[in-house]
């Protein structure tokens, strides 16, 4: 049930918490990571979750699923940067393919 309600089903643009750069490639392929992030949050914050009404709980879980430290936007952002860290939001990155025969 949680996965059907909270997790991403189509392509979305998401801005992770603490970032100013939008990630435009969050999609249904990230749903399993979103579910893990949500369940991890729920287990650690059960008392808080029980005090929230349905709308508040949805907002919190959707934020954790997509924007949180273990959410899909951070995962997609990491994939786009090929593991690079501390890249400024306005930093220009160019990827070039190397011809291994020429580089050897």
Protein backbone atom coordinates (compact mmCIF):
# COMPACT_ATOMS: atom_id res chain seq x y z
CA UNK A 1 0.00 0.00 0.00
CA UNK A 2 2.76 2.48 0.92
CA UNK A 3 4.51 1.91 -2.41
CA UNK A 4 1.30 2.51 -4.38
CA UNK A 5 0.55 5.78 -2.59
CA UNK A 6 3.96 7.36 -1.96
CA UNK A 7 6.42 6.08 -4.57
CA UNK A 8 7.01 7.62 -7.99
CA UNK A 9 5.22 6.03 -10.94
CA UNK A 10 6.16 8.38 -13.80
CA UNK A 11 8.95 10.82 -14.64
CA UNK A 12 9.25 13.68 -12.16
CA UNK A 13 11.49 16.65 -11.48
CA UNK A 14 12.54 16.76 -7.82
CA UNK A 15 14.78 19.08 -5.81
CA UNK A 16 16.49 17.16 -2.98
CA UNK A 17 16.46 18.69 0.52
CA UNK A 18 19.45 21.00 0.92
CA UNK A 19 19.96 21.45 -2.83
CA UNK A 20 18.97 24.13 -5.31
CA UNK A 21 19.42 21.95 -8.39
CA UNK A 22 16.41 20.05 -9.70
CA UNK A 23 16.85 16.43 -10.71
CA UNK A 24 14.71 15.73 -13.76
CA UNK A 25 15.17 11.99 -14.13
CA UNK A 26 13.39 10.56 -11.08
CA UNK A 27 11.09 7.82 -12.32
CA UNK A 28 9.40 4.55 -11.47
CA UNK A 29 12.75 2.74 -11.63
CA UNK A 30 13.57 4.48 -8.33
CA UNK A 31 10.42 3.27 -6.55
CA UNK A 32 12.16 0.46 -4.66
CA UNK A 33 14.73 2.91 -3.25
CA UNK A 34 11.91 5.27 -2.28
CA UNK A 35 10.10 2.46 -0.49
CA UNK A 36 13.22 1.53 1.48
CA UNK A 37 13.75 5.19 2.47
CA UNK A 38 10.12 5.49 3.60
CA UNK A 39 10.09 2.26 5.59
CA UNK A 40 13.38 3.16 7.24
CA UNK A 41 11.90 6.52 8.28
CA UNK A 42 8.68 4.91 9.52
CA UNK A 43 10.53 2.40 11.70
CA UNK A 44 12.61 5.16 13.24
CA UNK A 45 9.76 7.67 13.66
CA UNK A 46 6.72 5.53 14.45
CA UNK A 47 5.49 7.70 17.33
CA UNK A 48 5.77 10.88 15.24
CA UNK A 49 4.08 9.20 12.26
CA UNK A 50 1.11 8.11 14.39
CA UNK A 51 0.53 11.72 15.48
CA UNK A 52 0.24 13.01 11.89
CA UNK A 53 -3.05 13.17 10.02
CA UNK A 54 -3.28 11.45 6.62
CA UNK A 55 -2.30 14.54 4.62
CA UNK A 56 0.65 15.38 6.85
CA UNK A 57 1.83 11.77 6.78
CA UNK A 58 1.66 11.66 2.98
CA UNK A 59 3.68 14.88 2.67
CA UNK A 60 6.31 13.63 5.10
CA UNK A 61 6.63 10.22 3.46
CA UNK A 62 6.70 11.65 -0.07
CA UNK A 63 9.44 14.06 0.98
CA UNK A 64 11.48 11.27 2.57
CA UNK A 65 10.95 9.04 -0.49
CA UNK A 66 12.06 11.59 -3.04
CA UNK A 67 13.98 14.42 -1.41
CA UNK A 68 15.59 12.85 1.65
CA UNK A 69 19.20 11.74 2.06
CA UNK A 70 18.33 8.21 0.91
CA UNK A 71 15.58 9.27 -1.50
CA UNK A 72 15.28 8.87 -5.23
CA UNK A 73 16.38 12.41 -6.15
CA UNK A 74 19.71 11.94 -4.35
CA UNK A 75 20.15 8.56 -6.05
CA UNK A 76 19.34 9.99 -9.49
CA UNK A 77 21.61 12.98 -8.84
CA UNK A 78 24.44 10.66 -7.88
CA UNK A 79 23.88 8.59 -11.02
CA UNK A 80 24.02 11.72 -13.20
CA UNK A 81 27.28 12.82 -11.56
CA UNK A 82 28.79 9.32 -11.81
CA UNK A 83 29.68 9.43 -8.10
CA UNK A 84 31.22 12.93 -8.11
CA UNK A 85 30.57 14.92 -4.94
CA UNK A 86 30.55 18.59 -3.95
CA UNK A 87 29.65 19.79 -7.44
CA UNK A 88 28.07 23.27 -7.22
CA UNK A 89 24.53 23.57 -8.58
CA UNK A 90 25.70 25.89 -11.36
CA UNK A 91 28.88 23.90 -12.10
CA UNK A 92 29.32 22.82 -15.69
CA UNK A 93 30.29 19.19 -16.17
CA UNK A 94 31.03 17.69 -19.56
CA UNK A 95 31.38 14.00 -20.22
CA UNK A 96 33.59 12.78 -23.02
CA UNK A 97 34.00 9.24 -24.19
CA UNK A 98 37.57 8.11 -24.49
CA UNK A 99 38.77 5.89 -27.25
CA UNK A 100 40.81 3.38 -25.22
CA UNK A 101 43.17 2.70 -28.12
CA UNK A 102 44.10 6.39 -28.38
CA UNK A 103 44.50 6.87 -24.63
CA UNK A 104 46.81 3.87 -24.10
